[in-house]
PDB file of N, CA and C in Angstrom:
ATOM      1  N   UNK A   1      50.718 110.182 108.761  1.00  0.00           N
ATOM      2  CA  UNK A   1      51.755 110.831 107.998  1.00  0.00           C
ATOM      3  C   UNK A   1      52.154 112.105 108.742  1.00  0.00           C
ATOM      4  N   UNK A   2      53.448 112.366 108.799  1.00  0.00           N
ATOM      5  CA  UNK A   2      53.964 113.547 109.483  1.00  0.00           C
ATOM      6  C   UNK A   2      54.170 114.680 108.491  1.00  0.00           C
ATOM      7  N   UNK A   3      53.804 115.851 108.884  1.00  0.00           N
ATOM      8  CA  UNK A   3      53.987 117.035 108.043  1.00  0.00           C
ATOM      9  C   UNK A   3      55.357 117.619 108.348  1.00  0.00           C
ATOM     10  N   UNK A   4      56.107 117.977 107.283  1.00  0.00           N
ATOM     11  CA  UNK A   4      57.449 118.518 107.433  1.00  0.00           C
ATOM     12  C   UNK A   4      57.620 119.726 106.533  1.00  0.00           C
ATOM     13  N   UNK A   5      58.263 120.746 107.043  1.00  0.00           N
ATOM     14  CA  UNK A   5      58.559 121.933 106.246  1.00  0.00           C
ATOM     15  C   UNK A   5      60.015 121.848 105.825  1.00  0.00           C
ATOM     16  N   UNK A   6      60.265 122.071 104.515  1.00  0.00           N
ATOM     17  CA  UNK A   6      61.640 122.041 104.009  1.00  0.00           C
ATOM     18  C   UNK A   6      61.921 123.318 103.236  1.00  0.00           C
ATOM     19  N   UNK A   7      63.198 123.646 103.118  1.00  0.00           N
ATOM     20  CA  UNK A   7      63.621 124.785 102.300  1.00  0.00           C
ATOM     21  C   UNK A   7      64.357 124.230 101.093  1.00  0.00           C
ATOM     22  N   UNK A   8      63.962 124.690  99.898  1.00  0.00           N
ATOM     23  CA  UNK A   8      64.632 124.251  98.675  1.00  0.00           C
ATOM     24  C   UNK A   8      64.902 125.473  97.794  1.00  0.00           C
ATOM     25  N   UNK A   9      65.865 125.320  96.896  1.00  0.00           N
ATOM     26  CA  UNK A   9      66.187 126.399  95.964  1.00  0.00           C
ATOM     27  C   UNK A   9      64.976 126.717  95.093  1.00  0.00           C
ATOM     28  N   UNK A  10      64.920 127.954  94.645  1.00  0.00           N
ATOM     29  CA  UNK A  10      63.803 128.401  93.813  1.00  0.00           C
ATOM     30  C   UNK A  10      63.693 127.579  92.527  1.00  0.00           C
ATOM     31  N   UNK A  11      64.838 127.273  91.890  1.00  0.00           N
ATOM     32  CA  UNK A  11      64.809 126.464  90.665  1.00  0.00           C
ATOM     33  C   UNK A  11      64.226 125.077  90.927  1.00  0.00           C
ATOM     34  N   UNK A  12      64.622 124.484  92.049  1.00  0.00           N
ATOM     35  CA  UNK A  12      64.092 123.163  92.401  1.00  0.00           C
ATOM     36  C   UNK A  12      62.593 123.239  92.678  1.00  0.00           C
ATOM     37  N   UNK A  13      62.166 124.305  93.332  1.00  0.00           N
ATOM     38  CA  UNK A  13      60.746 124.488  93.638  1.00  0.00           C
ATOM     39  C   UNK A  13      59.950 124.626  92.348  1.00  0.00           C
ATOM     40  N   UNK A  14      60.485 125.387  91.386  1.00  0.00           N
ATOM     41  CA  UNK A  14      59.804 125.554  90.106  1.00  0.00           C
ATOM     42  C   UNK A  14      59.720 124.234  89.349  1.00  0.00           C
ATOM     43  N   UNK A  15      60.814 123.495  89.359  1.00  0.00           N
ATOM     44  CA  UNK A  15      60.807 122.186  88.698  1.00  0.00           C
ATOM     45  C   UNK A  15      59.767 121.280  89.348  1.00  0.00           C
ATOM     46  N   UNK A  16      59.755 121.279  90.671  1.00  0.00           N
ATOM     47  CA  UNK A  16      58.819 120.450  91.419  1.00  0.00           C
ATOM     48  C   UNK A  16      57.374 120.830  91.096  1.00  0.00           C
ATOM     49  N   UNK A  17      57.099 122.103  91.037  1.00  0.00           N
ATOM     50  CA  UNK A  17      55.746 122.566  90.730  1.00  0.00           C
ATOM     51  C   UNK A  17      55.333 122.149  89.321  1.00  0.00           C
ATOM     52  N   UNK A  18      56.239 122.277  88.371  1.00  0.00           N
ATOM     53  CA  UNK A  18      55.940 121.875  86.990  1.00  0.00           C
ATOM     54  C   UNK A  18      55.702 120.377  86.887  1.00  0.00           C
ATOM     55  N   UNK A  19      56.533 119.629  87.559  1.00  0.00           N
ATOM     56  CA  UNK A  19      56.385 118.161  87.541  1.00  0.00           C
ATOM     57  C   UNK A  19      55.058 117.750  88.162  1.00  0.00           C
ATOM     58  N   UNK A  20      54.719 118.354  89.281  1.00  0.00           N
ATOM     59  CA  UNK A  20      53.462 118.041  89.960  1.00  0.00           C
ATOM     60  C   UNK A  20      52.268 118.401  89.074  1.00  0.00           C
ATOM     61  N   UNK A  21      52.358 119.537  88.405  1.00  0.00           N
ATOM     62  CA  UNK A  21      51.267 119.954  87.514  1.00  0.00           C
ATOM     63  C   UNK A  21      51.126 118.968  86.358  1.00  0.00           C
ATOM     64  N   UNK A  22      52.259 118.570  85.769  1.00  0.00           N
ATOM     65  CA  UNK A  22      52.248 117.623  84.655  1.00  0.00           C
ATOM     66  C   UNK A  22      51.625 116.290  85.057  1.00  0.00           C
ATOM     67  N   UNK A  23      51.945 115.838  86.267  1.00  0.00           N
ATOM     68  CA  UNK A  23      51.435 114.549  86.750  1.00  0.00           C
ATOM     69  C   UNK A  23      50.093 114.676  87.466  1.00  0.00           C
ATOM     70  N   UNK A  24      49.641 115.900  87.651  1.00  0.00           N
ATOM     71  CA  UNK A  24      48.369 116.171  88.314  1.00  0.00           C
ATOM     72  C   UNK A  24      48.319 115.570  89.721  1.00  0.00           C
ATOM     73  N   UNK A  25      49.403 115.819  90.464  1.00  0.00           N
ATOM     74  CA  UNK A  25      49.497 115.387  91.858  1.00  0.00           C
ATOM     75  C   UNK A  25      50.082 116.549  92.660  1.00  0.00           C
ATOM     76  N   UNK A  26      49.907 116.538  93.970  1.00  0.00           N
ATOM     77  CA  UNK A  26      50.523 117.583  94.799  1.00  0.00           C
ATOM     78  C   UNK A  26      52.054 117.475  94.787  1.00  0.00           C
ATOM     79  N   UNK A  27      52.713 118.595  95.006  1.00  0.00           N
ATOM     80  CA  UNK A  27      54.178 118.587  95.080  1.00  0.00           C
ATOM     81  C   UNK A  27      54.659 117.613  96.154  1.00  0.00           C
ATOM     82  N   UNK A  28      53.934 117.526  97.237  1.00  0.00           N
ATOM     83  CA  UNK A  28      54.321 116.625  98.326  1.00  0.00           C
ATOM     84  C   UNK A  28      54.399 115.175  97.835  1.00  0.00           C
ATOM     85  N   UNK A  29      53.532 114.806  96.900  1.00  0.00           N
ATOM     86  CA  UNK A  29      53.557 113.436  96.376  1.00  0.00           C
ATOM     87  C   UNK A  29      54.838 113.176  95.595  1.00  0.00           C
ATOM     88  N   UNK A  30      55.297 114.154  94.837  1.00  0.00           N
ATOM     89  CA  UNK A  30      56.546 114.006  94.099  1.00  0.00           C
ATOM     90  C   UNK A  30      57.705 113.825  95.083  1.00  0.00           C
ATOM     91  N   UNK A  31      57.706 114.610  96.154  1.00  0.00           N
ATOM     92  CA  UNK A  31      58.756 114.503  97.169  1.00  0.00           C
ATOM     93  C   UNK A  31      58.696 113.134  97.843  1.00  0.00           C
ATOM     94  N   UNK A  32      57.493 112.665  98.179  1.00  0.00           N
ATOM     95  CA  UNK A  32      57.353 111.344  98.806  1.00  0.00           C
ATOM     96  C   UNK A  32      57.898 110.248  97.884  1.00  0.00           C
ATOM     97  N   UNK A  33      57.565 110.338  96.597  1.00  0.00           N
ATOM     98  CA  UNK A  33      58.064 109.340  95.635  1.00  0.00           C
ATOM     99  C   UNK A  33      59.588 109.363  95.551  1.00  0.00           C
ATOM    100  N   UNK A  34      60.144 110.567  95.539  1.00  0.00           N
ATOM    101  CA  UNK A  34      61.600 110.697  95.451  1.00  0.00           C
ATOM    102  C   UNK A  34      62.288 110.071  96.665  1.00  0.00           C
ATOM    103  N   UNK A  35      61.750 110.330  97.833  1.00  0.00           N
ATOM    104  CA  UNK A  35      62.318 109.754  99.058  1.00  0.00           C
ATOM    105  C   UNK A  35      62.196 108.237  99.029  1.00  0.00           C
ATOM    106  N   UNK A  36      61.034 107.735  98.620  1.00  0.00           N
ATOM    107  CA  UNK A  36      60.822 106.294  98.538  1.00  0.00           C
ATOM    108  C   UNK A  36      61.827 105.667  97.560  1.00  0.00           C
ATOM    109  N   UNK A  37      62.013 106.313  96.414  1.00  0.00           N
ATOM    110  CA  UNK A  37      62.950 105.812  95.410  1.00  0.00           C
ATOM    111  C   UNK A  37      64.379 105.784  95.961  1.00  0.00           C
ATOM    112  N   UNK A  38      64.777 106.841  96.649  1.00  0.00           N
ATOM    113  CA  UNK A  38      66.122 106.894  97.230  1.00  0.00           C
ATOM    114  C   UNK A  38      66.326 105.784  98.255  1.00  0.00           C
ATOM    115  N   UNK A  39      65.312 105.531  99.068  1.00  0.00           N
ATOM    116  CA  UNK A  39      65.416 104.474 100.075  1.00  0.00           C
ATOM    117  C   UNK A  39      65.536 103.106  99.422  1.00  0.00           C
ATOM    118  N   UNK A  40      64.767 102.873  98.339  1.00  0.00           N
ATOM    119  CA  UNK A  40      64.849 101.601  97.623  1.00  0.00           C
ATOM    120  C   UNK A  40      66.231 101.407  97.009  1.00  0.00           C
ATOM    121  N   UNK A  41      66.779 102.464  96.415  1.00  0.00           N
ATOM    122  CA  UNK A  41      68.118 102.380  95.832  1.00  0.00           C
ATOM    123  C   UNK A  41      69.163 102.070  96.896  1.00  0.00           C
ATOM    124  N   UNK A  42      69.059 102.721  98.027  1.00  0.00           N
ATOM    125  CA  UNK A  42      70.001 102.494  99.124  1.00  0.00           C
ATOM    126  C   UNK A  42      69.917 101.047  99.613  1.00  0.00           C
ATOM    127  N   UNK A  43      68.712 100.532  99.748  1.00  0.00           N
ATOM    128  CA  UNK A  43      68.536  99.145 100.192  1.00  0.00           C
ATOM    129  C   UNK A  43      69.102  98.172  99.161  1.00  0.00           C
ATOM    130  N   UNK A  44      68.903  98.467  97.879  1.00  0.00           N
ATOM    131  CA  UNK A  44      69.425  97.596  96.827  1.00  0.00           C
ATOM    132  C   UNK A  44      70.951  97.593  96.837  1.00  0.00           C
ATOM    133  N   UNK A  45      71.567  98.768  97.011  1.00  0.00           N
ATOM    134  CA  UNK A  45      73.033  98.832  97.081  1.00  0.00           C
ATOM    135  C   UNK A  45      73.558  98.052  98.287  1.00  0.00           C
ATOM    136  N   UNK A  46      72.865  98.179  99.417  1.00  0.00           N
ATOM    137  CA  UNK A  46      73.285  97.460 100.622  1.00  0.00           C
ATOM    138  C   UNK A  46      73.156  95.953 100.420  1.00  0.00           C
ATOM    139  N   UNK A  47      72.073  95.515  99.786  1.00  0.00           N
ATOM    140  CA  UNK A  47      71.878  94.083  99.536  1.00  0.00           C
ATOM    141  C   UNK A  47      72.938  93.560  98.586  1.00  0.00           C
ATOM    142  N   UNK A  48      73.286  94.345  97.565  1.00  0.00           N
ATOM    143  CA  UNK A  48      74.327  93.937  96.625  1.00  0.00           C
ATOM    144  C   UNK A  48      75.677  93.831  97.324  1.00  0.00           C
ATOM    145  N   UNK A  49      75.998  94.820  98.153  1.00  0.00           N
ATOM    146  CA  UNK A  49      77.256  94.799  98.895  1.00  0.00           C
ATOM    147  C   UNK A  49      77.316  93.581  99.822  1.00  0.00           C
ATOM    148  N   UNK A  50      76.208  93.270 100.453  1.00  0.00           N
ATOM    149  CA  UNK A  50      76.170  92.105 101.339  1.00  0.00           C
ATOM    150  C   UNK A  50      76.351  90.822 100.536  1.00  0.00           C
ATOM    151  N   UNK A  51      75.712  90.722  99.372  1.00  0.00           N
ATOM    152  CA  UNK A  51      75.858  89.532  98.533  1.00  0.00           C
ATOM    153  C   UNK A  51      77.309  89.369  98.083  1.00  0.00           C
ATOM    154  N   UNK A  52      77.950  90.473  97.726  1.00  0.00           N
ATOM    155  CA  UNK A  52      79.364  90.401  97.341  1.00  0.00           C
ATOM    156  C   UNK A  52      80.221  89.912  98.500  1.00  0.00           C
ATOM    157  N   UNK A  53      79.946  90.429  99.675  1.00  0.00           N
ATOM    158  CA  UNK A  53      80.724  90.037 100.855  1.00  0.00           C
ATOM    159  C   UNK A  53      80.514  88.560 101.178  1.00  0.00           C
ATOM    160  N   UNK A  54      79.278  88.099 101.075  1.00  0.00           N
ATOM    161  CA  UNK A  54      78.970  86.711 101.415  1.00  0.00           C
ATOM    162  C   UNK A  54      79.532  85.718 100.402  1.00  0.00           C
ATOM    163  N   UNK A  55      79.692  86.152  99.156  1.00  0.00           N
ATOM    164  CA  UNK A  55      80.166  85.225  98.130  1.00  0.00           C
ATOM    165  C   UNK A  55      81.641  85.405  97.801  1.00  0.00           C
ATOM    166  N   UNK A  56      82.278  86.369  98.414  1.00  0.00           N
ATOM    167  CA  UNK A  56      83.691  86.616  98.157  1.00  0.00           C
ATOM    168  C   UNK A  56      84.528  85.401  98.552  1.00  0.00           C
ATOM    169  N   UNK A  57      85.355  84.971  97.634  1.00  0.00           N
ATOM    170  CA  UNK A  57      86.271  83.875  97.924  1.00  0.00           C
ATOM    171  C   UNK A  57      85.693  82.484  97.751  1.00  0.00           C
ATOM    172  N   UNK A  58      84.508  82.332  97.173  1.00  0.00           N
ATOM    173  CA  UNK A  58      83.937  80.990  97.052  1.00  0.00           C
ATOM    174  C   UNK A  58      84.449  80.232  95.831  1.00  0.00           C
ATOM    175  N   UNK A  59      85.139  80.908  94.896  1.00  0.00           N
ATOM    176  CA  UNK A  59      85.706  80.228  93.735  1.00  0.00           C
ATOM    177  C   UNK A  59      86.832  79.306  94.219  1.00  0.00           C
ATOM    178  N   UNK A  60      86.713  77.997  93.999  1.00  0.00           N
ATOM    179  CA  UNK A  60      87.679  77.057  94.560  1.00  0.00           C
ATOM    180  C   UNK A  60      88.975  76.921  93.760  1.00  0.00           C
ATOM    181  N   UNK A  61      89.062  77.554  92.614  1.00  0.00           N
ATOM    182  CA  UNK A  61      90.210  77.346  91.734  1.00  0.00           C
ATOM    183  C   UNK A  61      91.285  78.415  91.859  1.00  0.00           C
ATOM    184  N   UNK A  62      91.314  79.175  92.906  1.00  0.00           N
ATOM    185  CA  UNK A  62      92.346  80.198  93.069  1.00  0.00           C
ATOM    186  C   UNK A  62      91.861  81.574  92.644  1.00  0.00           C
ATOM    187  N   UNK A  63      92.710  82.263  91.893  1.00  0.00           N
ATOM    188  CA  UNK A  63      92.428  83.635  91.490  1.00  0.00           C
ATOM    189  C   UNK A  63      91.400  83.665  90.362  1.00  0.00           C
ATOM    190  N   UNK A  64      90.177  84.072  90.664  1.00  0.00           N
ATOM    191  CA  UNK A  64      89.100  84.088  89.678  1.00  0.00           C
ATOM    192  C   UNK A  64      89.344  85.061  88.548  1.00  0.00           C
ATOM    193  N   UNK A  65      89.957  86.190  88.848  1.00  0.00           N
ATOM    194  CA  UNK A  65      90.236  87.174  87.805  1.00  0.00           C
ATOM    195  C   UNK A  65      91.235  86.621  86.802  1.00  0.00           C
ATOM    196  N   UNK A  66      92.255  85.962  87.293  1.00  0.00           N
ATOM    197  CA  UNK A  66      93.256  85.361  86.395  1.00  0.00           C
ATOM    198  C   UNK A  66      92.583  84.319  85.492  1.00  0.00           C
ATOM    199  N   UNK A  67      91.673  83.545  86.048  1.00  0.00           N
ATOM    200  CA  UNK A  67      90.940  82.545  85.274  1.00  0.00           C
ATOM    201  C   UNK A  67      90.115  83.213  84.177  1.00  0.00           C
ATOM    202  N   UNK A  68      89.402  84.277  84.531  1.00  0.00           N
ATOM    203  CA  UNK A  68      88.599  85.004  83.546  1.00  0.00           C
ATOM    204  C   UNK A  68      89.463  85.572  82.431  1.00  0.00           C
ATOM    205  N   UNK A  69      90.603  86.130  82.801  1.00  0.00           N
ATOM    206  CA  UNK A  69      91.485  86.709  81.794  1.00  0.00           C
ATOM    207  C   UNK A  69      92.015  85.633  80.852  1.00  0.00           C
ATOM    208  N   UNK A  70      92.325  84.457  81.384  1.00  0.00           N
ATOM    209  CA  UNK A  70      92.796  83.352  80.540  1.00  0.00           C
ATOM    210  C   UNK A  70      91.701  82.934  79.557  1.00  0.00           C
ATOM    211  N   UNK A  71      90.461  82.846  80.018  1.00  0.00           N
ATOM    212  CA  UNK A  71      89.359  82.506  79.115  1.00  0.00           C
ATOM    213  C   UNK A  71      89.195  83.552  78.021  1.00  0.00           C
ATOM    214  N   UNK A  72      89.258  84.799  78.407  1.00  0.00           N
ATOM    215  CA  UNK A  72      89.097  85.869  77.419  1.00  0.00           C
ATOM    216  C   UNK A  72      90.243  85.866  76.415  1.00  0.00           C
ATOM    217  N   UNK A  73      91.436  85.563  76.884  1.00  0.00           N
ATOM    218  CA  UNK A  73      92.567  85.475  75.962  1.00  0.00           C
ATOM    219  C   UNK A  73      92.339  84.358  74.950  1.00  0.00           C
ATOM    220  N   UNK A  74      91.757  83.245  75.386  1.00  0.00           N
ATOM    221  CA  UNK A  74      91.430  82.152  74.459  1.00  0.00           C
ATOM    222  C   UNK A  74      90.439  82.630  73.410  1.00  0.00           C
ATOM    223  N   UNK A  75      89.442  83.401  73.844  1.00  0.00           N
ATOM    224  CA  UNK A  75      88.443  83.913  72.903  1.00  0.00           C
ATOM    225  C   UNK A  75      89.097  84.832  71.878  1.00  0.00           C
ATOM    226  N   UNK A  76      90.014  85.689  72.361  1.00  0.00           N
ATOM    227  CA  UNK A  76      90.690  86.619  71.461  1.00  0.00           C
ATOM    228  C   UNK A  76      91.571  85.867  70.458  1.00  0.00           C
ATOM    229  N   UNK A  77      92.217  84.789  70.913  1.00  0.00           N
ATOM    230  CA  UNK A  77      93.098  84.000  70.039  1.00  0.00           C
ATOM    231  C   UNK A  77      92.307  83.316  68.934  1.00  0.00           C
ATOM    232  N   UNK A  78      91.024  83.039  69.173  1.00  0.00           N
ATOM    233  CA  UNK A  78      90.192  82.344  68.175  1.00  0.00           C
ATOM    234  C   UNK A  78      89.708  83.280  67.081  1.00  0.00           C
ATOM    235  N   UNK A  79      89.839  84.563  67.261  1.00  0.00           N
ATOM    236  CA  UNK A  79      89.348  85.530  66.262  1.00  0.00           C
ATOM    237  C   UNK A  79      90.208  85.572  65.071  1.00  0.00           C
TER     238      UNK A  79
END
């Protein structure tokens, strides 16, 4: 593990210290968790974007949005 020095606002430092005390872990552990969480979120967004790109245009019936709107209009007419 690499040691890194960072500068943060005093309010953030106080929040971090309180959170670490509440969880009974070092402040560094809270920072590590936050970084890990951010990386997971970024990877999930990238995977979602890739899935959208790979599946774009696979609906064989033309404009998918128009089809969805027609179905919803049918549902509204039945009310």
